[in-house]
């Protein structure tokens, strides 16, 4: 399977219920294979690569 990978600083589109929101990848957690994405100034959430697309 060809999985999309992201770099720190990439702008990504979020999945539902955040559809239409763009965030910035700020960290990759190897053990859980999830990306930490910052949304705005205060909110940060983890997503898998399958949930994100490049903005």
C-alpha atoms as a PDB file:
ATOM      1  CA  UNK A   1       0.000   0.000   0.000  1.00  0.00           C
ATOM      2  CA  UNK A   2       1.353   3.432  -0.944  1.00  0.00           C
ATOM      3  CA  UNK A   3       0.825   5.590   2.137  1.00  0.00           C
ATOM      4  CA  UNK A   4       1.129   9.389   2.130  1.00  0.00           C
ATOM      5  CA  UNK A   5       3.867  10.630   4.416  1.00  0.00           C
ATOM      6  CA  UNK A   6       4.152  14.121   5.813  1.00  0.00           C
ATOM      7  CA  UNK A   7       7.000  16.329   6.967  1.00  0.00           C
ATOM      8  CA  UNK A   8       7.092  18.667   9.949  1.00  0.00           C
ATOM      9  CA  UNK A   9       5.691  21.995   8.751  1.00  0.00           C
ATOM     10  CA  UNK A  10       3.410  20.523   6.066  1.00  0.00           C
ATOM     11  CA  UNK A  11      -0.032  22.096   5.766  1.00  0.00           C
ATOM     12  CA  UNK A  12      -2.695  19.382   5.857  1.00  0.00           C
ATOM     13  CA  UNK A  13      -6.460  19.170   5.450  1.00  0.00           C
ATOM     14  CA  UNK A  14      -8.229  17.494   8.371  1.00  0.00           C
ATOM     15  CA  UNK A  15     -10.937  14.807   8.260  1.00  0.00           C
ATOM     16  CA  UNK A  16     -14.519  15.087   9.507  1.00  0.00           C
ATOM     17  CA  UNK A  17     -15.717  16.674  11.757  1.00  0.00           C
ATOM     18  CA  UNK A  18     -12.972  19.196  10.957  1.00  0.00           C
ATOM     19  CA  UNK A  19     -13.636  19.119   7.216  1.00  0.00           C
ATOM     20  CA  UNK A  20     -12.446  22.337   5.572  1.00  0.00           C
ATOM     21  CA  UNK A  21      -9.929  23.053   8.347  1.00  0.00           C
ATOM     22  CA  UNK A  22      -6.205  23.225   7.572  1.00  0.00           C
ATOM     23  CA  UNK A  23      -3.552  22.531  10.196  1.00  0.00           C
ATOM     24  CA  UNK A  24       0.230  22.214  10.413  1.00  0.00           C
ATOM     25  CA  UNK A  25       2.104  18.980  11.155  1.00  0.00           C
ATOM     26  CA  UNK A  26       4.309  19.672  14.183  1.00  0.00           C
ATOM     27  CA  UNK A  27       5.385  16.176  15.316  1.00  0.00           C
ATOM     28  CA  UNK A  28       5.399  12.512  14.274  1.00  0.00           C
ATOM     29  CA  UNK A  29       4.951   9.851  16.955  1.00  0.00           C
ATOM     30  CA  UNK A  30       6.663   6.734  15.588  1.00  0.00           C
ATOM     31  CA  UNK A  31       5.325   4.171  18.084  1.00  0.00           C
ATOM     32  CA  UNK A  32       1.682   5.094  17.372  1.00  0.00           C
ATOM     33  CA  UNK A  33       2.327   6.136  13.740  1.00  0.00           C
ATOM     34  CA  UNK A  34       0.330   9.325  14.234  1.00  0.00           C
ATOM     35  CA  UNK A  35       0.978  12.944  13.307  1.00  0.00           C
ATOM     36  CA  UNK A  36       0.395  15.762  15.776  1.00  0.00           C
ATOM     37  CA  UNK A  37      -1.328  18.614  13.949  1.00  0.00           C
ATOM     38  CA  UNK A  38      -1.669  22.157  15.287  1.00  0.00           C
ATOM     39  CA  UNK A  39      -4.907  23.942  14.528  1.00  0.00           C
ATOM     40  CA  UNK A  40      -4.775  27.636  15.277  1.00  0.00           C
ATOM     41  CA  UNK A  41      -2.868  28.855  18.332  1.00  0.00           C
ATOM     42  CA  UNK A  42      -4.012  26.473  21.062  1.00  0.00           C
ATOM     43  CA  UNK A  43      -5.456  23.235  19.665  1.00  0.00           C
ATOM     44  CA  UNK A  44      -3.355  20.180  18.757  1.00  0.00           C
ATOM     45  CA  UNK A  45      -4.714  16.765  17.726  1.00  0.00           C
ATOM     46  CA  UNK A  46      -3.242  13.438  16.596  1.00  0.00           C
ATOM     47  CA  UNK A  47      -4.223  11.910  13.237  1.00  0.00           C
ATOM     48  CA  UNK A  48      -3.097   8.884  11.251  1.00  0.00           C
ATOM     49  CA  UNK A  49      -1.655   9.416   7.767  1.00  0.00           C
ATOM     50  CA  UNK A  50      -4.823   7.959   6.228  1.00  0.00           C
ATOM     51  CA  UNK A  51      -6.895  10.733   7.794  1.00  0.00           C
ATOM     52  CA  UNK A  52      -4.856  13.617   6.345  1.00  0.00           C
ATOM     53  CA  UNK A  53      -4.244  15.083   2.897  1.00  0.00           C
ATOM     54  CA  UNK A  54      -1.821  17.804   1.826  1.00  0.00           C
ATOM     55  CA  UNK A  55      -3.424  21.227   1.639  1.00  0.00           C
END
